[in-house]
Amino acid sequence: MIILERIFPNKAVISIDGAERTIAPTLMDAAVKEGDVLTLRDGIYVRDDAATAARRQKIINLQNSLWDE
């Protein structure tokens, strides 16, 4: 799984199966945001909408479980 960790003006940090890698922002679609799950399509990292939604829901469920008792 590829996750966009951080975006800076001249670089972006992605995590590929837990290993961080720095890439040029020009290699990403303009619509991607930090925390998105990405897929590589035609040499450009684009948002995987279904995987991003599933990941966000998993995080929300985990957060909610901390307060549910």
Protein backbone atom coordinates (compact mmCIF):
# COMPACT_ATOMS: atom_id res chain seq x y z
CA MET A 1 0.00 0.00 0.00
CA ILE A 2 1.29 3.46 -0.92
CA ILE A 3 0.32 6.29 1.45
CA LEU A 4 1.08 9.98 1.01
CA GLU A 5 2.63 10.97 4.33
CA ARG A 6 3.75 14.58 3.83
CA ILE A 7 3.88 17.22 1.11
CA PHE A 8 6.50 19.97 0.95
CA PRO A 9 6.97 22.60 -1.77
CA ASN A 10 9.83 20.68 -3.39
CA LYS A 11 9.22 17.07 -2.31
CA ALA A 12 6.66 14.61 -1.05
CA VAL A 13 7.14 11.68 1.31
CA ILE A 14 5.29 8.48 0.57
CA SER A 15 5.21 5.25 2.52
CA ILE A 16 5.34 2.02 0.53
CA ASP A 17 4.48 -0.91 2.79
CA GLY A 18 6.01 0.97 5.74
CA ALA A 19 9.20 2.16 4.02
CA GLU A 20 9.43 5.91 3.41
CA ARG A 21 10.50 7.29 0.06
CA THR A 22 10.88 10.86 -1.20
CA ILE A 23 9.45 11.79 -4.60
CA ALA A 24 9.01 14.97 -6.62
CA PRO A 25 5.56 16.56 -6.28
CA THR A 26 5.39 16.64 -10.08
CA LEU A 27 4.96 12.85 -9.94
CA MET A 28 1.62 13.25 -8.13
CA ASP A 29 -1.82 14.22 -9.32
CA ALA A 30 -2.73 17.71 -8.07
CA ALA A 31 -5.80 16.37 -6.23
CA VAL A 32 -3.96 14.08 -3.78
CA LYS A 33 -3.79 15.00 -0.08
CA GLU A 34 -1.78 13.84 2.89
CA GLY A 35 -3.15 10.53 4.17
CA ASP A 36 -4.45 9.39 0.79
CA VAL A 37 -3.80 5.88 -0.46
CA LEU A 38 -2.13 6.17 -3.86
CA THR A 39 -1.74 4.04 -6.91
CA LEU A 40 0.79 4.53 -9.70
CA ARG A 41 -0.93 5.11 -13.03
CA ASP A 42 1.06 6.01 -16.16
CA GLY A 43 3.98 7.22 -14.02
CA ILE A 44 1.81 9.50 -11.86
CA TYR A 45 0.65 8.81 -8.30
CA VAL A 46 -3.14 9.20 -8.12
CA ARG A 47 -5.62 8.77 -5.28
CA ASP A 48 -7.24 5.36 -4.87
CA ASP A 49 -10.66 6.55 -3.71
CA ALA A 50 -11.94 3.19 -2.44
CA ALA A 51 -8.74 2.32 -0.56
CA THR A 52 -8.51 5.84 0.92
CA ALA A 53 -12.11 5.68 2.16
CA ALA A 54 -11.55 2.22 3.65
CA ARG A 55 -8.35 3.34 5.39
CA ARG A 56 -10.01 6.45 6.82
CA GLN A 57 -12.96 4.38 8.10
CA LYS A 58 -10.57 1.91 9.72
CA ILE A 59 -8.80 4.78 11.50
CA ILE A 60 -12.13 6.26 12.66
CA ASN A 61 -13.25 2.86 13.97
CA LEU A 62 -9.96 2.47 15.82
CA GLN A 63 -10.30 5.94 17.37
CA ASN A 64 -13.89 5.26 18.38
CA SER A 65 -12.91 1.96 19.99
CA LEU A 66 -10.62 3.86 22.34
CA TRP A 67 -13.65 5.58 23.90
CA ASP A 68 -16.13 2.68 23.66
CA GLU A 69 -16.13 0.51 26.71
